[in-house]
Amino acid sequence: MNTPVNLEIALAKLHQLQYEGGDLGAKYWYEISCLLKEASLYKVRALAAEAKLAEIERVMRMA
């Protein structure tokens, strides 16, 4: 599925769940929020690396 996810909406919902979940629920949803943010950063880095590799491939074909 390549549909972009609006992280602001997702994080706002997780933030709401933190408040509704009590102490244990708050910790759980906080950790889920952190994982979601990290996953987003890793996706950006992976896409950048993929683009860089494609550029290297293109240059190597020309050599």
Protein backbone atom coordinates (compact mmCIF):
# COMPACT_ATOMS: atom_id res chain seq x y z
CA MET A 1 0.00 0.00 0.00
CA ASN A 2 1.58 3.26 -1.13
CA THR A 3 -1.03 5.64 0.23
CA PRO A 4 0.76 8.20 2.41
CA VAL A 5 -0.26 8.28 6.05
CA ASN A 6 -0.81 11.63 7.68
CA LEU A 7 1.41 11.25 10.73
CA GLU A 8 -0.07 14.33 12.40
CA ILE A 9 -3.49 12.68 12.53
CA ALA A 10 -2.07 9.35 13.68
CA LEU A 11 0.10 10.94 16.36
CA ALA A 12 -2.80 13.07 17.60
CA LYS A 13 -4.92 9.94 17.98
CA LEU A 14 -2.12 8.14 19.81
CA HIS A 15 -1.72 11.18 22.06
CA GLN A 16 -5.44 11.01 22.84
CA LEU A 17 -5.13 7.31 23.65
CA GLN A 18 -2.26 8.13 26.01
CA TYR A 19 -4.55 10.32 28.09
CA GLU A 20 -7.36 7.79 28.06
CA GLY A 21 -5.20 4.78 28.89
CA GLY A 22 -4.13 5.48 32.46
CA ASP A 23 -0.52 5.05 33.51
CA LEU A 24 0.13 1.74 31.77
CA GLY A 25 -1.84 2.69 28.65
CA ALA A 26 -0.09 6.04 28.44
CA LYS A 27 3.33 4.38 28.46
CA TYR A 28 2.21 1.86 25.81
CA TRP A 29 0.79 4.47 23.42
CA TYR A 30 3.78 6.75 23.98
CA GLU A 31 6.10 3.92 22.90
CA ILE A 32 3.92 3.25 19.85
CA SER A 33 4.15 6.95 18.94
CA CYS A 34 7.93 6.82 19.19
CA LEU A 35 8.05 3.73 16.97
CA LEU A 36 5.84 5.41 14.39
CA LYS A 37 8.07 8.49 14.30
CA GLU A 38 11.20 6.32 13.96
CA ALA A 39 9.63 4.25 11.19
CA SER A 40 8.83 7.44 9.30
CA LEU A 41 12.44 8.60 9.58
CA TYR A 42 13.77 5.22 8.45
CA LYS A 43 11.45 5.28 5.46
CA VAL A 44 12.79 8.69 4.42
CA ARG A 45 16.36 7.44 4.82
CA ALA A 46 15.63 4.26 2.85
CA LEU A 47 14.08 6.22 0.00
CA ALA A 48 17.09 8.57 -0.07
CA ALA A 49 19.47 5.59 -0.16
CA GLU A 50 17.44 4.00 -2.93
CA ALA A 51 17.65 7.20 -4.98
CA LYS A 52 21.40 7.43 -4.38
CA LEU A 53 21.89 3.82 -5.50
CA ALA A 54 19.84 4.46 -8.63
CA GLU A 55 22.05 7.46 -9.41
CA ILE A 56 25.23 5.40 -8.89
CA GLU A 57 23.80 2.68 -11.13
CA ARG A 58 23.05 5.24 -13.83
CA VAL A 59 26.56 6.69 -13.65
CA MET A 60 28.16 3.24 -13.74
CA ARG A 61 26.21 2.32 -16.88
CA MET A 62 27.56 5.44 -18.58
CA ALA A 63 31.18 4.60 -17.71
